[in-house]
Amino acid sequence: LRRWACDAGIVPMVLGTRAEPLDVGRLSYTAPEGIRRALIVRDGGCAFPGCTRRPRRCHAHHVRYWLDHGDTALDNMTLLCRFHHQLIHHGHWTV
């Protein structure tokens, strides 16, 4: 079944209690709405220590970068404000 699913382009997804995707693997770079809502509940805003930016001012960031084969999944993402998102990509901080 896994081989057929792979050949057919079917990707297994982890779903939350309201059937929202919380893990879409490599299917998408952008966090679906279900993952974004789960990040807001879990992180409450920017994950940088001491930062108080609200969730609506934050980006969904891949901890293991998508280009480095990181999945678009709740357990591989966090919220970061614009400033701290740039900081992490310039190598001055790690999650």
C-alpha atoms as a PDB file:
ATOM      1  CA  LEU A   1       0.000   0.000   0.000  1.00  0.00           C
ATOM      2  CA  ARG A   2       2.825   2.420   0.805  1.00  0.00           C
ATOM      3  CA  ARG A   3       4.424   1.835  -2.584  1.00  0.00           C
ATOM      4  CA  TRP A   4       1.095   2.429  -4.352  1.00  0.00           C
ATOM      5  CA  ALA A   5       0.500   5.568  -2.321  1.00  0.00           C
ATOM      6  CA  CYS A   6       3.974   6.844  -3.203  1.00  0.00           C
ATOM      7  CA  ASP A   7       3.502   6.145  -6.908  1.00  0.00           C
ATOM      8  CA  ALA A   8       0.085   7.828  -6.830  1.00  0.00           C
ATOM      9  CA  GLY A   9       1.419  10.936  -5.077  1.00  0.00           C
ATOM     10  CA  ILE A  10      -0.642  10.277  -1.964  1.00  0.00           C
ATOM     11  CA  VAL A  11       0.991  11.677   1.169  1.00  0.00           C
ATOM     12  CA  PRO A  12       0.033  10.409   4.650  1.00  0.00           C
ATOM     13  CA  MET A  13      -1.004  13.216   7.003  1.00  0.00           C
ATOM     14  CA  VAL A  14      -1.319  13.454  10.760  1.00  0.00           C
ATOM     15  CA  LEU A  15      -4.685  14.997  11.615  1.00  0.00           C
ATOM     16  CA  GLY A  16      -5.774  16.875  14.728  1.00  0.00           C
ATOM     17  CA  THR A  17      -9.037  16.331  16.559  1.00  0.00           C
ATOM     18  CA  ARG A  18     -10.955  18.473  14.053  1.00  0.00           C
ATOM     19  CA  ALA A  19      -9.413  16.613  11.082  1.00  0.00           C
ATOM     20  CA  GLU A  20      -6.990  19.486  10.452  1.00  0.00           C
ATOM     21  CA  PRO A  21      -3.566  18.532   9.108  1.00  0.00           C
ATOM     22  CA  LEU A  22      -0.796  18.834  11.729  1.00  0.00           C
ATOM     23  CA  ASP A  23       1.857  17.099   9.604  1.00  0.00           C
ATOM     24  CA  VAL A  24       1.900  17.323   5.813  1.00  0.00           C
ATOM     25  CA  GLY A  25       5.473  16.104   5.426  1.00  0.00           C
ATOM     26  CA  ARG A  26       7.192  17.507   2.347  1.00  0.00           C
ATOM     27  CA  LEU A  27       3.936  18.158   0.487  1.00  0.00           C
ATOM     28  CA  SER A  28       3.951  21.888   1.259  1.00  0.00           C
ATOM     29  CA  TYR A  29       6.429  24.518   2.429  1.00  0.00           C
ATOM     30  CA  THR A  30       3.686  26.756   3.779  1.00  0.00           C
ATOM     31  CA  ALA A  31       2.053  25.795   7.075  1.00  0.00           C
ATOM     32  CA  PRO A  32      -1.616  24.910   6.522  1.00  0.00           C
ATOM     33  CA  GLU A  33      -4.171  26.715   8.677  1.00  0.00           C
ATOM     34  CA  GLY A  34      -4.462  23.753  11.077  1.00  0.00           C
ATOM     35  CA  ILE A  35      -0.723  23.789  11.840  1.00  0.00           C
ATOM     36  CA  ARG A  36      -0.762  27.570  12.209  1.00  0.00           C
ATOM     37  CA  ARG A  37      -3.628  27.408  14.732  1.00  0.00           C
ATOM     38  CA  ALA A  38      -1.846  24.662  16.679  1.00  0.00           C
ATOM     39  CA  LEU A  39       1.355  26.792  16.726  1.00  0.00           C
ATOM     40  CA  ILE A  40      -0.608  29.750  18.095  1.00  0.00           C
ATOM     41  CA  VAL A  41      -2.058  27.605  20.895  1.00  0.00           C
ATOM     42  CA  ARG A  42       1.288  25.970  21.688  1.00  0.00           C
ATOM     43  CA  ASP A  43       3.693  28.928  21.306  1.00  0.00           C
ATOM     44  CA  GLY A  44       1.375  31.856  22.055  1.00  0.00           C
ATOM     45  CA  GLY A  45       3.608  34.199  20.015  1.00  0.00           C
ATOM     46  CA  CYS A  46       7.285  34.512  19.145  1.00  0.00           C
ATOM     47  CA  ALA A  47       9.289  31.618  20.615  1.00  0.00           C
ATOM     48  CA  PHE A  48      12.399  33.752  21.158  1.00  0.00           C
ATOM     49  CA  PRO A  49      13.026  34.041  24.922  1.00  0.00           C
ATOM     50  CA  GLY A  50      11.583  37.275  26.272  1.00  0.00           C
ATOM     51  CA  CYS A  51       9.913  38.350  23.012  1.00  0.00           C
ATOM     52  CA  THR A  52       6.301  39.442  23.428  1.00  0.00           C
ATOM     53  CA  ARG A  53       5.202  39.624  19.769  1.00  0.00           C
ATOM     54  CA  ARG A  54       1.685  38.322  19.284  1.00  0.00           C
ATOM     55  CA  PRO A  55       0.985  35.326  17.009  1.00  0.00           C
ATOM     56  CA  ARG A  56      -0.521  37.417  14.222  1.00  0.00           C
ATOM     57  CA  ARG A  57       2.849  39.214  13.944  1.00  0.00           C
ATOM     58  CA  CYS A  58       4.797  35.934  13.653  1.00  0.00           C
ATOM     59  CA  HIS A  59       5.915  33.617  10.878  1.00  0.00           C
ATOM     60  CA  ALA A  60       5.762  29.829  11.006  1.00  0.00           C
ATOM     61  CA  HIS A  61       9.428  28.728  10.962  1.00  0.00           C
ATOM     62  CA  HIS A  62      10.792  25.258  10.158  1.00  0.00           C
ATOM     63  CA  VAL A  63      13.237  24.217  12.910  1.00  0.00           C
ATOM     64  CA  ARG A  64      14.906  21.792  10.512  1.00  0.00           C
ATOM     65  CA  TYR A  65      14.824  23.877   7.347  1.00  0.00           C
ATOM     66  CA  TRP A  66      12.502  22.709   4.586  1.00  0.00           C
ATOM     67  CA  LEU A  67      15.370  22.925   2.083  1.00  0.00           C
ATOM     68  CA  ASP A  68      17.314  20.533   4.336  1.00  0.00           C
ATOM     69  CA  HIS A  69      14.434  18.026   4.123  1.00  0.00           C
ATOM     70  CA  GLY A  70      12.591  19.281   7.202  1.00  0.00           C
ATOM     71  CA  ASP A  71       8.906  18.404   7.256  1.00  0.00           C
ATOM     72  CA  THR A  72       6.048  20.847   7.461  1.00  0.00           C
ATOM     73  CA  ALA A  73       4.824  19.432  10.751  1.00  0.00           C
ATOM     74  CA  LEU A  74       3.842  20.820  14.124  1.00  0.00           C
ATOM     75  CA  ASP A  75       6.814  19.127  15.822  1.00  0.00           C
ATOM     76  CA  ASN A  76       9.238  20.766  13.349  1.00  0.00           C
ATOM     77  CA  MET A  77       7.838  24.296  13.436  1.00  0.00           C
ATOM     78  CA  THR A  78       7.685  27.275  15.767  1.00  0.00           C
ATOM     79  CA  LEU A  79       6.465  30.862  15.639  1.00  0.00           C
ATOM     80  CA  LEU A  80       9.010  33.660  15.254  1.00  0.00           C
ATOM     81  CA  CYS A  81       8.490  37.386  14.811  1.00  0.00           C
ATOM     82  CA  ARG A  82      10.049  38.988  11.744  1.00  0.00           C
ATOM     83  CA  PHE A  83      13.126  40.257  13.617  1.00  0.00           C
ATOM     84  CA  HIS A  84      13.915  36.934  15.299  1.00  0.00           C
ATOM     85  CA  HIS A  85      13.127  34.986  12.126  1.00  0.00           C
ATOM     86  CA  GLN A  86      15.805  37.005  10.312  1.00  0.00           C
ATOM     87  CA  LEU A  87      18.178  36.583  13.274  1.00  0.00           C
ATOM     88  CA  ILE A  88      17.904  32.801  13.147  1.00  0.00           C
ATOM     89  CA  HIS A  89      18.523  32.707   9.378  1.00  0.00           C
ATOM     90  CA  HIS A  90      21.684  34.787   9.776  1.00  0.00           C
ATOM     91  CA  GLY A  91      23.093  32.234  12.203  1.00  0.00           C
ATOM     92  CA  HIS A  92      22.954  34.256  15.424  1.00  0.00           C
ATOM     93  CA  TRP A  93      20.507  31.975  17.246  1.00  0.00           C
ATOM     94  CA  THR A  94      19.204  28.414  17.049  1.00  0.00           C
ATOM     95  CA  VAL A  95      15.914  26.903  18.178  1.00  0.00           C
END
